[in-house]
Amino acid sequence: MAVLGVGKGTWGHIARLISEEEWDAILLVGNDWGKENFSPSKEVDWIIVNNRAGFNILKDTIKEKLPAVDEICISLVSGSGKEHMALLAALREAGKEFKMVILTGEGTKYY
């Protein structure tokens, strides 16, 4: 899972993370504009949010669409603090364990 913010500057990182790793499924949290303008190299699913909505609306929208899997990796490189907090709160409320993932000069790192 990754948050895809409206600032295109971080989209390259998400695009590389998608293309360079093998994922069972890819789920992006973003808005309609991001979905229309981001071109991932692999098939992705979306959780469409209105980043102007209140925090609880964001959190609940994400929570109801969380995947029913045991292992979730998240990237918070893109997006806003409000979107990041909504994702983290949704994961916590749903009792989901997760790892954070990021690309570095030494490759992909998981925390």
N, C-alpha and C. Protein backbone atom coordinates (compact mmCIF):
# COMPACT_ATOMS: atom_id res chain seq x y z
N MET A 1 0.85 -1.16 0.00
CA MET A 1 0.00 0.00 0.00
C MET A 1 0.89 1.23 0.00
N ALA A 2 0.43 2.23 -0.72
CA ALA A 2 1.15 3.50 -0.72
C ALA A 2 0.14 4.63 -0.82
N VAL A 3 0.47 5.73 -0.16
CA VAL A 3 -0.28 6.96 -0.34
C VAL A 3 0.33 7.65 -1.54
N LEU A 4 -0.52 8.13 -2.44
CA LEU A 4 -0.05 8.86 -3.62
C LEU A 4 -0.59 10.28 -3.51
N GLY A 5 0.28 11.21 -3.15
CA GLY A 5 -0.14 12.59 -2.96
C GLY A 5 -0.28 13.34 -4.26
N VAL A 6 -0.73 14.58 -4.16
CA VAL A 6 -0.95 15.39 -5.35
C VAL A 6 0.35 16.00 -5.87
N GLY A 7 1.39 16.01 -5.07
CA GLY A 7 2.68 16.53 -5.53
C GLY A 7 3.42 15.47 -6.34
N LYS A 8 3.55 15.73 -7.63
CA LYS A 8 4.15 14.74 -8.53
C LYS A 8 5.61 14.43 -8.22
N GLY A 9 6.28 15.26 -7.42
CA GLY A 9 7.68 15.06 -7.12
C GLY A 9 7.99 13.72 -6.47
N THR A 10 7.04 13.13 -5.77
CA THR A 10 7.27 11.86 -5.08
C THR A 10 6.72 10.67 -5.87
N TRP A 11 6.07 10.94 -6.98
CA TRP A 11 5.48 9.86 -7.76
C TRP A 11 6.54 8.92 -8.33
N GLY A 12 7.70 9.43 -8.67
CA GLY A 12 8.77 8.60 -9.23
C GLY A 12 9.20 7.52 -8.25
N HIS A 13 9.27 7.87 -6.98
CA HIS A 13 9.65 6.90 -5.95
C HIS A 13 8.61 5.78 -5.90
N ILE A 14 7.34 6.13 -5.90
CA ILE A 14 6.27 5.13 -5.85
C ILE A 14 6.29 4.28 -7.12
N ALA A 15 6.49 4.92 -8.26
CA ALA A 15 6.53 4.19 -9.54
C ALA A 15 7.67 3.18 -9.54
N ARG A 16 8.84 3.56 -9.04
CA ARG A 16 9.99 2.65 -8.98
C ARG A 16 9.74 1.52 -7.99
N LEU A 17 9.14 1.83 -6.86
CA LEU A 17 8.82 0.81 -5.87
C LEU A 17 7.87 -0.23 -6.46
N ILE A 18 6.91 0.23 -7.24
CA ILE A 18 5.97 -0.68 -7.90
C ILE A 18 6.69 -1.55 -8.92
N SER A 19 7.53 -0.94 -9.74
CA SER A 19 8.15 -1.68 -10.85
C SER A 19 9.32 -2.56 -10.42
N GLU A 20 10.04 -2.19 -9.38
CA GLU A 20 11.26 -2.91 -9.02
C GLU A 20 11.04 -4.06 -8.04
N GLU A 21 9.88 -4.14 -7.43
CA GLU A 21 9.60 -5.20 -6.46
C GLU A 21 8.48 -6.09 -6.97
N GLU A 22 8.43 -7.31 -6.46
CA GLU A 22 7.33 -8.23 -6.76
C GLU A 22 6.31 -8.13 -5.63
N TRP A 23 5.10 -7.78 -5.98
CA TRP A 23 4.02 -7.62 -5.00
C TRP A 23 2.86 -8.53 -5.38
N ASP A 24 2.20 -9.10 -4.39
CA ASP A 24 1.00 -9.89 -4.65
C ASP A 24 -0.13 -9.00 -5.12
N ALA A 25 -0.20 -7.81 -4.55
CA ALA A 25 -1.22 -6.82 -4.92
C ALA A 25 -0.68 -5.44 -4.57
N ILE A 26 -1.16 -4.44 -5.27
CA ILE A 26 -0.74 -3.06 -5.03
C ILE A 26 -1.99 -2.23 -4.83
N LEU A 27 -2.04 -1.51 -3.73
CA LEU A 27 -3.19 -0.69 -3.39
C LEU A 27 -2.70 0.73 -3.11
N LEU A 28 -3.20 1.68 -3.89
CA LEU A 28 -2.81 3.08 -3.73
C LEU A 28 -3.94 3.87 -3.12
N VAL A 29 -3.60 4.74 -2.19
CA VAL A 29 -4.55 5.67 -1.59
C VAL A 29 -4.30 7.02 -2.23
N GLY A 30 -5.31 7.55 -2.91
CA GLY A 30 -5.15 8.83 -3.58
C GLY A 30 -6.49 9.40 -3.99
N ASN A 31 -6.43 10.50 -4.72
CA ASN A 31 -7.67 11.13 -5.18
C ASN A 31 -7.91 10.83 -6.67
N ASP A 32 -9.04 11.29 -7.17
CA ASP A 32 -9.39 11.04 -8.58
C ASP A 32 -8.33 11.59 -9.53
N TRP A 33 -7.80 12.77 -9.23
CA TRP A 33 -6.80 13.38 -10.10
C TRP A 33 -5.55 12.51 -10.18
N GLY A 34 -5.11 11.98 -9.04
CA GLY A 34 -3.95 11.09 -9.03
C GLY A 34 -4.21 9.83 -9.83
N LYS A 35 -5.39 9.27 -9.70
CA LYS A 35 -5.74 8.05 -10.44
C LYS A 35 -5.72 8.30 -11.95
N GLU A 36 -6.17 9.47 -12.36
CA GLU A 36 -6.20 9.81 -13.78
C GLU A 36 -4.81 10.11 -14.34
N ASN A 37 -3.90 10.57 -13.51
CA ASN A 37 -2.61 11.06 -14.02
C ASN A 37 -1.40 10.19 -13.68
N PHE A 38 -1.53 9.27 -12.76
CA PHE A 38 -0.42 8.38 -12.41
C PHE A 38 -0.51 7.14 -13.29
N SER A 39 0.60 6.77 -13.89
CA SER A 39 0.64 5.62 -14.81
C SER A 39 1.58 4.55 -14.28
N PRO A 40 1.11 3.68 -13.40
CA PRO A 40 1.98 2.64 -12.86
C PRO A 40 2.29 1.57 -13.91
N SER A 41 3.40 0.89 -13.73
CA SER A 41 3.84 -0.15 -14.67
C SER A 41 3.12 -1.48 -14.45
N LYS A 42 2.43 -1.61 -13.34
CA LYS A 42 1.70 -2.83 -13.02
C LYS A 42 0.27 -2.46 -12.64
N GLU A 43 -0.58 -3.48 -12.63
CA GLU A 43 -1.97 -3.25 -12.24
C GLU A 43 -2.04 -2.88 -10.76
N VAL A 44 -2.81 -1.85 -10.47
CA VAL A 44 -3.01 -1.41 -9.09
C VAL A 44 -4.50 -1.25 -8.81
N ASP A 45 -4.85 -1.35 -7.55
CA ASP A 45 -6.19 -1.01 -7.09
C ASP A 45 -6.08 0.32 -6.35
N TRP A 46 -7.20 1.00 -6.24
CA TRP A 46 -7.21 2.32 -5.65
C TRP A 46 -8.21 2.41 -4.51
N ILE A 47 -7.86 3.19 -3.51
CA ILE A 47 -8.80 3.69 -2.52
C ILE A 47 -8.85 5.19 -2.79
N ILE A 48 -9.96 5.64 -3.33
CA ILE A 48 -10.10 7.05 -3.68
C ILE A 48 -10.62 7.82 -2.46
N VAL A 49 -9.88 8.85 -2.09
CA VAL A 49 -10.25 9.68 -0.95
C VAL A 49 -10.32 11.15 -1.38
N ASN A 50 -11.08 11.89 -0.64
CA ASN A 50 -11.12 13.34 -0.79
C ASN A 50 -10.24 13.90 0.31
N ASN A 51 -9.05 14.38 -0.04
CA ASN A 51 -8.11 14.81 0.99
C ASN A 51 -8.56 16.09 1.70
N ARG A 52 -9.67 16.69 1.27
CA ARG A 52 -10.23 17.83 1.98
C ARG A 52 -11.28 17.39 3.01
N ALA A 53 -11.63 16.12 3.00
CA ALA A 53 -12.61 15.60 3.96
C ALA A 53 -12.00 15.57 5.35
N GLY A 54 -12.84 15.44 6.33
CA GLY A 54 -12.38 15.34 7.70
C GLY A 54 -11.58 14.07 7.93
N PHE A 55 -10.80 14.09 8.98
CA PHE A 55 -9.92 12.96 9.28
C PHE A 55 -10.68 11.65 9.41
N ASN A 56 -11.76 11.64 10.17
CA ASN A 56 -12.50 10.39 10.38
C ASN A 56 -13.07 9.84 9.09
N ILE A 57 -13.47 10.70 8.19
CA ILE A 57 -13.98 10.24 6.89
C ILE A 57 -12.85 9.57 6.11
N LEU A 58 -11.68 10.20 6.09
CA LEU A 58 -10.52 9.60 5.41
C LEU A 58 -10.20 8.24 6.01
N LYS A 59 -10.10 8.21 7.32
CA LYS A 59 -9.74 6.97 8.03
C LYS A 59 -10.75 5.86 7.74
N ASP A 60 -12.02 6.19 7.85
CA ASP A 60 -13.05 5.18 7.65
C ASP A 60 -13.11 4.70 6.20
N THR A 61 -12.87 5.60 5.25
CA THR A 61 -12.84 5.21 3.84
C THR A 61 -11.71 4.22 3.58
N ILE A 62 -10.56 4.48 4.16
CA ILE A 62 -9.42 3.58 4.00
C ILE A 62 -9.68 2.26 4.73
N LYS A 63 -10.17 2.35 5.94
CA LYS A 63 -10.38 1.16 6.77
C LYS A 63 -11.32 0.16 6.11
N GLU A 64 -12.40 0.64 5.52
CA GLU A 64 -13.38 -0.27 4.93
C GLU A 64 -12.86 -0.96 3.67
N LYS A 65 -11.74 -0.47 3.12
CA LYS A 65 -11.21 -1.06 1.90
C LYS A 65 -9.84 -1.71 2.10
N LEU A 66 -9.45 -1.90 3.35
CA LEU A 66 -8.17 -2.57 3.61
C LEU A 66 -8.25 -4.01 3.12
N PRO A 67 -7.15 -4.50 2.57
CA PRO A 67 -7.16 -5.88 2.07
C PRO A 67 -7.19 -6.89 3.20
N ALA A 68 -7.78 -8.03 2.93
CA ALA A 68 -7.85 -9.12 3.91
C ALA A 68 -6.63 -10.02 3.73
N VAL A 69 -5.47 -9.49 4.07
CA VAL A 69 -4.21 -10.23 3.95
C VAL A 69 -3.48 -10.14 5.28
N ASP A 70 -2.52 -11.04 5.46
CA ASP A 70 -1.75 -11.07 6.70
C ASP A 70 -0.60 -10.07 6.70
N GLU A 71 0.01 -9.86 5.54
CA GLU A 71 1.18 -8.98 5.48
C GLU A 71 0.90 -7.76 4.61
N ILE A 72 1.09 -6.60 5.20
CA ILE A 72 0.91 -5.34 4.48
C ILE A 72 2.19 -4.54 4.59
N CYS A 73 2.66 -4.04 3.47
CA CYS A 73 3.79 -3.12 3.44
C CYS A 73 3.25 -1.77 3.00
N ILE A 74 3.68 -0.71 3.68
CA ILE A 74 3.19 0.62 3.33
C ILE A 74 4.34 1.55 3.01
N SER A 75 4.08 2.47 2.09
CA SER A 75 5.02 3.54 1.77
C SER A 75 4.35 4.86 2.06
N LEU A 76 5.03 5.71 2.81
CA LEU A 76 4.52 7.03 3.15
C LEU A 76 5.38 8.13 2.55
N VAL A 77 6.11 7.82 1.49
CA VAL A 77 6.98 8.80 0.85
C VAL A 77 6.16 9.92 0.22
N SER A 78 5.02 9.58 -0.34
CA SER A 78 4.16 10.55 -1.00
C SER A 78 2.94 10.80 -0.12
N GLY A 79 2.28 11.90 -0.36
CA GLY A 79 1.05 12.21 0.36
C GLY A 79 1.27 13.19 1.49
N SER A 80 0.16 13.52 2.16
CA SER A 80 0.20 14.50 3.24
C SER A 80 0.19 13.81 4.60
N GLY A 81 0.53 14.55 5.61
CA GLY A 81 0.49 14.02 6.97
C GLY A 81 -0.90 13.55 7.35
N LYS A 82 -1.92 14.26 6.92
CA LYS A 82 -3.31 13.88 7.23
C LYS A 82 -3.64 12.53 6.60
N GLU A 83 -3.23 12.32 5.36
CA GLU A 83 -3.46 11.03 4.68
C GLU A 83 -2.66 9.92 5.36
N HIS A 84 -1.44 10.21 5.74
CA HIS A 84 -0.61 9.23 6.43
C HIS A 84 -1.23 8.82 7.76
N MET A 85 -1.68 9.81 8.53
CA MET A 85 -2.30 9.53 9.82
C MET A 85 -3.58 8.71 9.64
N ALA A 86 -4.36 9.02 8.60
CA ALA A 86 -5.60 8.27 8.35
C ALA A 86 -5.29 6.82 8.02
N LEU A 87 -4.26 6.59 7.21
CA LEU A 87 -3.87 5.22 6.87
C LEU A 87 -3.39 4.47 8.11
N LEU A 88 -2.53 5.09 8.90
CA LEU A 88 -2.01 4.43 10.10
C LEU A 88 -3.12 4.15 11.10
N ALA A 89 -4.03 5.10 11.29
CA ALA A 89 -5.14 4.90 12.22
C ALA A 89 -6.06 3.79 11.72
N ALA A 90 -6.32 3.73 10.41
CA ALA A 90 -7.16 2.67 9.84
C ALA A 90 -6.52 1.30 10.06
N LEU A 91 -5.23 1.20 9.82
CA LEU A 91 -4.52 -0.07 10.04
C LEU A 91 -4.58 -0.48 11.50
N ARG A 92 -4.37 0.46 12.38
CA ARG A 92 -4.39 0.15 13.82
C ARG A 92 -5.78 -0.27 14.28
N GLU A 93 -6.82 0.49 13.86
CA GLU A 93 -8.19 0.14 14.26
C GLU A 93 -8.60 -1.24 13.73
N ALA A 94 -8.09 -1.59 12.55
CA ALA A 94 -8.43 -2.89 11.95
C ALA A 94 -7.56 -4.01 12.51
N GLY A 95 -6.59 -3.68 13.36
CA GLY A 95 -5.72 -4.69 13.95
C GLY A 95 -4.73 -5.28 12.95
N LYS A 96 -4.37 -4.51 11.93
CA LYS A 96 -3.46 -4.98 10.89
C LYS A 96 -2.02 -4.67 11.27
N GLU A 97 -1.17 -5.67 11.14
CA GLU A 97 0.27 -5.47 11.29
C GLU A 97 0.81 -4.98 9.95
N PHE A 98 1.87 -4.20 9.97
CA PHE A 98 2.42 -3.70 8.72
C PHE A 98 3.91 -3.43 8.87
N LYS A 99 4.56 -3.40 7.72
CA LYS A 99 5.96 -2.99 7.62
C LYS A 99 5.98 -1.74 6.75
N MET A 100 6.95 -0.88 7.01
CA MET A 100 7.17 0.27 6.14
C MET A 100 8.23 -0.11 5.13
N VAL A 101 8.07 0.36 3.89
CA VAL A 101 9.00 0.03 2.83
C VAL A 101 9.45 1.31 2.13
N ILE A 102 10.75 1.34 1.78
CA ILE A 102 11.30 2.51 1.10
C ILE A 102 12.47 2.06 0.22
N LEU A 103 12.64 2.74 -0.90
CA LEU A 103 13.81 2.50 -1.75
C LEU A 103 14.94 3.38 -1.26
N THR A 104 16.13 2.81 -1.17
CA THR A 104 17.31 3.56 -0.76
C THR A 104 18.42 3.31 -1.78
N GLY A 105 19.54 3.97 -1.60
CA GLY A 105 20.69 3.73 -2.47
C GLY A 105 21.21 2.31 -2.37
N GLU A 106 20.88 1.62 -1.29
CA GLU A 106 21.30 0.23 -1.08
C GLU A 106 20.19 -0.75 -1.43
N GLY A 107 19.11 -0.28 -2.02
CA GLY A 107 18.02 -1.17 -2.40
C GLY A 107 16.78 -0.92 -1.56
N THR A 108 15.87 -1.86 -1.59
CA THR A 108 14.62 -1.75 -0.87
C THR A 108 14.84 -2.12 0.60
N LYS A 109 14.35 -1.28 1.49
CA LYS A 109 14.47 -1.51 2.92
C LYS A 109 13.09 -1.63 3.54
N TYR A 110 12.97 -2.56 4.48
CA TYR A 110 11.72 -2.78 5.21
C TYR A 110 11.96 -2.50 6.68
N TYR A 111 11.04 -1.81 7.30
CA TYR A 111 11.15 -1.47 8.73
C TYR A 111 9.90 -1.90 9.47
